[in-house]
Structure formats: C-alpha cells, structure tokens
C-alpha cells in the first residue's frame, strides 16, 4: 500500500505544487521550520523599521490535526485544486471506514471504525493536511499567516494602533 501511496503522492505534488500556499513551510522540499522563522522575522523587522508600528503575534498549535480532516470537505478542496475527481474519490475511499485500535503493552482495545482524519504514519497524510488547510490564509496584507504543518503563527503588522484587520483574522481563525 505504501508504494501506491507514494505514486499518488508524487502525482498530487505535481498537480498541486504550484497552488500551495507559499506561507506553508512543512512537507515541501527545501522548506523548513528555519525558513518559516526567517520569513516571520523578515516581515516583523521590516515592519518595525517604520515609525508608529508594532506587532502582535498569535501562536496556534492544532492538537491531533490529522484527526480533524473531514473527508467530504477534503474531497471538495481537492476538486477545487484541480485534482481529478477519480483521484479525490479514491482518497476519500482510502480514508473512509478505516479500522483502528489501541495497543498498550499486551492489552489491545476492540476495533472501531473511523470516518474522519488521516492516519498518522500514512505517506499521504502530511500532504493531505497541507491541502486541507491550504485555503487558510490571511485576507489582509497587514496580517501574515505562517504555517508549519499544524503549527500556525498569525502576525499582525500594526500601524498607528489600527488592529481591526489583525483582530478580524484572529476571529476567522477561531471559527
């Protein structure tokens, strides 16, 4: 199965690569957490060079992020990113009705069926999460939304005390 996933992954990267949010730094070649930190610092320091400015920063870590993926919503987003419907339907089928259990030492729980999320350790899960959150971007140029996997940093570049755009983006992120 991992071999098939790798083929699908390569295919998805070819299709969606140019469409990925440039402020998502995880799961991409030649992009790292250092790049995200440097980009954030660049935005901040460049902004603070001007008089009457300050910065507000909100750090968000989505817990169990891969488990939050809603398959039908992911399928819609994949279609919007020009992924052929046959591939997005295969991905939905691949993720739906998965069996899971918990093993702790010698104890094993009973099996349960899950219809949300992408499994940890799955070859496709990191890219699927990035595509799922790809449209989570700032609408205002004075607010930067940097993403590294499930870690998100919202940077408000405030001029003359005007924080409404930043506060609006915080509200939108909370929804």
Foldseek 3Di string as FASTA:
>chain_A
DLVVLVVLQVVLCVLQVVVFDPLAQAPDPPGDVVNNVVVVVVLQVVLVVDPQKDKDKDKDFDPPLQQAAQLVLLLVLCVVSVNDNVSSVVVQVVQAQDWDWDDDPPDIDDIDTDNGGDDPPRPCSQVSSSSSCRPLAQPDPQWGWHHYRRMIMIMGIDGNNDCPSVVVSVVVVVD
